[in-house]
Amino acid sequence: MAKLSLISRICLFLAILFFSVFLGGYIARQMIVYQLFEPDGQTFKSFYNEQNLSVVHPTILPVLIMNLFAYAVFLLSSLGFFLTSKIKVKYEGWLFAIILIIAITAPFEIYLSTIDLKLVSLIMSNSSAVNTISELIKERMNVLSSFSLIEVFSFAAIIFLFLFQPLRKKNEN
């Protein structure tokens, strides 16, 4: 990689930092949400009822807010890095692959973030709307059911590509 300007380094640092926060929060959110349901389907575990869920929903709130914020900053700082770094993607295949992964997964994650925004607003404003919140959680799981697993593997690929930087081409004149 060529020498980076100060702005590029700051954007890169922010992208790495918020990517790490987002990925950790993403995995935590998935673990928290899937613990609410029976393994065989989308029915809540037997010990959850309307009274219990009104207490459980606010526990999901911090990870939802953290992920929304971290993903937005990650996208903006990544875009800032790509625009300010002046790295020739033609010679850095690993960076091109990272850009593709981010570009392909971003529309889906942004769509899921809109559902998360609805969840956050409902939980913060009216925690008595237990059925609506529960339906939104189920909708989020149903809409792109296996996408979360694909996204985790894609982001693991980003980490691999960034660390080892394969697919580099020598600058031949």
Protein backbone atom coordinates (compact mmCIF):
# COMPACT_ATOMS: atom_id res chain seq x y z
CA MET A 1 0.00 0.00 0.00
CA ALA A 2 1.22 3.47 -0.77
CA LYS A 3 1.74 6.04 1.94
CA LEU A 4 -1.57 7.27 3.25
CA SER A 5 -2.48 10.82 4.10
CA LEU A 6 -3.56 11.73 7.62
CA ILE A 7 -7.22 11.85 6.59
CA SER A 8 -6.96 8.39 5.01
CA ARG A 9 -5.34 6.98 8.14
CA ILE A 10 -8.06 8.46 10.35
CA CYS A 11 -10.79 7.06 8.08
CA LEU A 12 -9.06 3.67 8.04
CA PHE A 13 -8.75 3.66 11.83
CA LEU A 14 -12.42 4.57 12.25
CA ALA A 15 -13.48 1.97 9.69
CA ILE A 16 -11.53 -0.78 11.47
CA LEU A 17 -12.73 0.31 14.92
CA PHE A 18 -16.41 0.53 14.04
CA PHE A 19 -16.24 -2.60 11.88
CA SER A 20 -15.00 -4.50 14.94
CA VAL A 21 -17.71 -3.00 17.16
CA PHE A 22 -20.38 -3.73 14.55
CA LEU A 23 -19.28 -7.32 13.97
CA GLY A 24 -19.12 -8.08 17.68
CA GLY A 25 -22.50 -6.45 18.25
CA TYR A 26 -23.96 -8.24 15.24
CA ILE A 27 -22.97 -11.63 16.60
CA ALA A 28 -24.17 -10.68 20.09
CA ARG A 29 -27.53 -9.52 18.71
CA GLN A 30 -27.99 -12.77 16.83
CA MET A 31 -27.18 -14.80 19.93
CA ILE A 32 -29.55 -12.76 22.10
CA VAL A 33 -32.45 -12.87 19.66
CA TYR A 34 -32.14 -16.56 18.82
CA GLN A 35 -32.13 -17.42 22.54
CA LEU A 36 -35.71 -16.19 22.73
CA PHE A 37 -37.05 -18.88 20.39
CA GLU A 38 -37.42 -22.64 20.42
CA PRO A 39 -34.80 -24.44 18.30
CA ASP A 40 -37.40 -25.99 15.98
CA GLY A 41 -39.24 -22.87 14.89
CA GLN A 42 -40.31 -19.35 15.52
CA THR A 43 -42.27 -19.87 18.67
CA PHE A 44 -41.07 -18.26 21.84
CA LYS A 45 -39.69 -20.53 24.52
CA SER A 46 -42.34 -21.74 26.91
CA PHE A 47 -41.32 -19.51 29.81
CA TYR A 48 -41.81 -16.29 27.80
CA ASN A 49 -45.21 -14.63 27.90
CA GLU A 50 -46.46 -11.05 27.49
CA GLN A 51 -45.35 -10.03 30.97
CA ASN A 52 -41.86 -11.49 30.57
CA LEU A 53 -41.30 -10.15 27.07
CA SER A 54 -42.01 -6.59 28.16
CA VAL A 55 -38.96 -6.93 30.42
CA VAL A 56 -36.84 -8.81 27.86
CA HIS A 57 -37.29 -6.34 24.97
CA PRO A 58 -35.42 -3.45 26.66
CA THR A 59 -32.42 -5.75 27.13
CA ILE A 60 -32.09 -5.96 23.34
CA LEU A 61 -32.15 -2.18 22.98
CA PRO A 62 -28.46 -1.36 23.72
CA VAL A 63 -27.12 -3.83 21.17
CA LEU A 64 -29.58 -2.58 18.54
CA ILE A 65 -28.58 1.04 19.06
CA MET A 66 -24.88 0.17 19.11
CA ASN A 67 -25.15 -1.78 15.85
CA LEU A 68 -27.10 0.95 14.08
CA PHE A 69 -24.54 3.57 15.04
CA ALA A 70 -21.49 1.38 14.43
CA TYR A 71 -22.66 0.29 10.98
CA ALA A 72 -23.42 3.85 9.88
CA VAL A 73 -20.01 5.10 11.00
CA PHE A 74 -18.32 2.05 9.45
CA LEU A 75 -19.94 2.72 6.07
CA LEU A 76 -19.11 6.42 6.14
CA SER A 77 -15.51 5.95 7.27
CA SER A 78 -14.97 3.14 4.74
CA LEU A 79 -16.28 5.37 1.99
CA GLY A 80 -14.02 8.15 3.24
CA PHE A 81 -11.03 5.83 3.16
CA PHE A 82 -11.78 4.56 -0.34
CA LEU A 83 -12.13 8.11 -1.63
CA THR A 84 -9.12 9.66 0.11
CA SER A 85 -6.55 6.86 0.01
CA LYS A 86 -5.82 7.05 -3.72
CA ILE A 87 -4.96 3.36 -3.71
CA LYS A 88 -5.13 1.89 -7.19
CA VAL A 89 -7.68 -0.88 -6.93
CA LYS A 90 -6.30 -2.25 -10.18
CA TYR A 91 -3.17 -3.38 -8.31
CA GLU A 92 -4.77 -4.15 -4.94
CA GLY A 93 -7.20 -7.02 -5.55
CA TRP A 94 -7.80 -7.51 -1.84
CA LEU A 95 -9.18 -3.96 -1.56
CA PHE A 96 -11.39 -4.52 -4.59
CA ALA A 97 -12.79 -7.69 -2.97
CA ILE A 98 -13.47 -5.80 0.27
CA ILE A 99 -15.27 -3.04 -1.63
CA LEU A 100 -17.39 -5.65 -3.41
CA ILE A 101 -18.32 -7.42 -0.18
CA ILE A 102 -19.32 -4.15 1.47
CA ALA A 103 -21.24 -2.99 -1.61
CA ILE A 104 -23.14 -6.26 -1.96
CA THR A 105 -24.06 -6.65 1.71
CA ALA A 106 -24.84 -2.98 2.40
CA PRO A 107 -28.34 -2.81 0.82
CA PHE A 108 -29.48 -5.86 2.76
CA GLU A 109 -28.01 -4.62 6.03
CA ILE A 110 -29.51 -1.17 5.49
CA TYR A 111 -32.92 -2.79 4.96
CA LEU A 112 -32.52 -4.79 8.17
CA SER A 113 -31.43 -1.59 9.90
CA THR A 114 -34.78 -0.01 9.03
CA ILE A 115 -36.47 -2.84 10.92
CA ASP A 116 -34.05 -2.28 13.79
CA LEU A 117 -34.95 1.43 13.81
CA LYS A 118 -38.63 0.51 14.12
CA LEU A 119 -37.75 -1.83 16.99
CA VAL A 120 -35.73 0.84 18.77
CA SER A 121 -38.47 3.43 18.44
CA LEU A 122 -41.15 1.00 19.66
CA ILE A 123 -39.10 -0.24 22.61
CA MET A 124 -38.14 3.29 23.65
CA SER A 125 -41.58 4.82 23.24
CA ASN A 126 -44.00 2.10 24.23
CA SER A 127 -42.72 -1.06 25.81
CA SER A 128 -46.32 -2.21 26.30
CA ALA A 129 -46.62 -3.01 22.57
CA VAL A 130 -45.17 -6.45 23.21
CA ASN A 131 -46.92 -8.19 20.33
CA THR A 132 -45.83 -5.59 17.77
CA ILE A 133 -42.22 -5.73 18.96
CA SER A 134 -42.26 -9.53 18.92
CA GLU A 135 -43.67 -9.56 15.39
CA LEU A 136 -40.95 -7.18 14.22
CA ILE A 137 -38.30 -9.44 15.73
CA LYS A 138 -39.83 -12.43 13.94
CA GLU A 139 -40.07 -10.42 10.70
CA ARG A 140 -36.40 -9.51 10.97
CA MET A 141 -35.53 -13.18 11.32
CA ASN A 142 -37.81 -14.25 8.45
CA VAL A 143 -37.07 -11.58 5.86
CA LEU A 144 -33.49 -12.60 5.16
CA SER A 145 -33.28 -15.76 7.22
CA SER A 146 -29.84 -17.10 6.30
CA PHE A 147 -28.37 -13.72 5.37
CA SER A 148 -27.00 -13.17 8.87
CA LEU A 149 -24.81 -16.25 8.60
CA ILE A 150 -23.67 -15.27 5.11
CA GLU A 151 -22.85 -11.78 6.37
CA VAL A 152 -20.77 -13.06 9.27
CA PHE A 153 -18.74 -15.22 6.88
CA SER A 154 -18.40 -12.32 4.45
CA PHE A 155 -17.10 -10.08 7.21
CA ALA A 156 -14.69 -12.80 8.28
CA ALA A 157 -13.46 -12.76 4.68
CA ILE A 158 -12.94 -8.99 4.96
CA ILE A 159 -10.75 -9.54 8.01
CA PHE A 160 -8.73 -12.20 6.14
CA LEU A 161 -8.35 -9.99 3.06
CA PHE A 162 -7.28 -6.97 5.09
CA LEU A 163 -4.75 -8.88 7.18
CA PHE A 164 -3.07 -10.94 4.47
CA GLN A 165 -3.73 -8.69 1.45
CA PRO A 166 -3.74 -11.40 -1.21
CA LEU A 167 -4.39 -10.68 -4.89
CA ARG A 168 -1.72 -7.98 -5.11
CA LYS A 169 -0.35 -7.17 -8.50
CA LYS A 170 3.10 -5.73 -8.95
CA ASN A 171 3.16 -2.31 -10.53
CA GLU A 172 4.51 -3.04 -13.98
CA ASN A 173 5.32 -0.15 -16.26
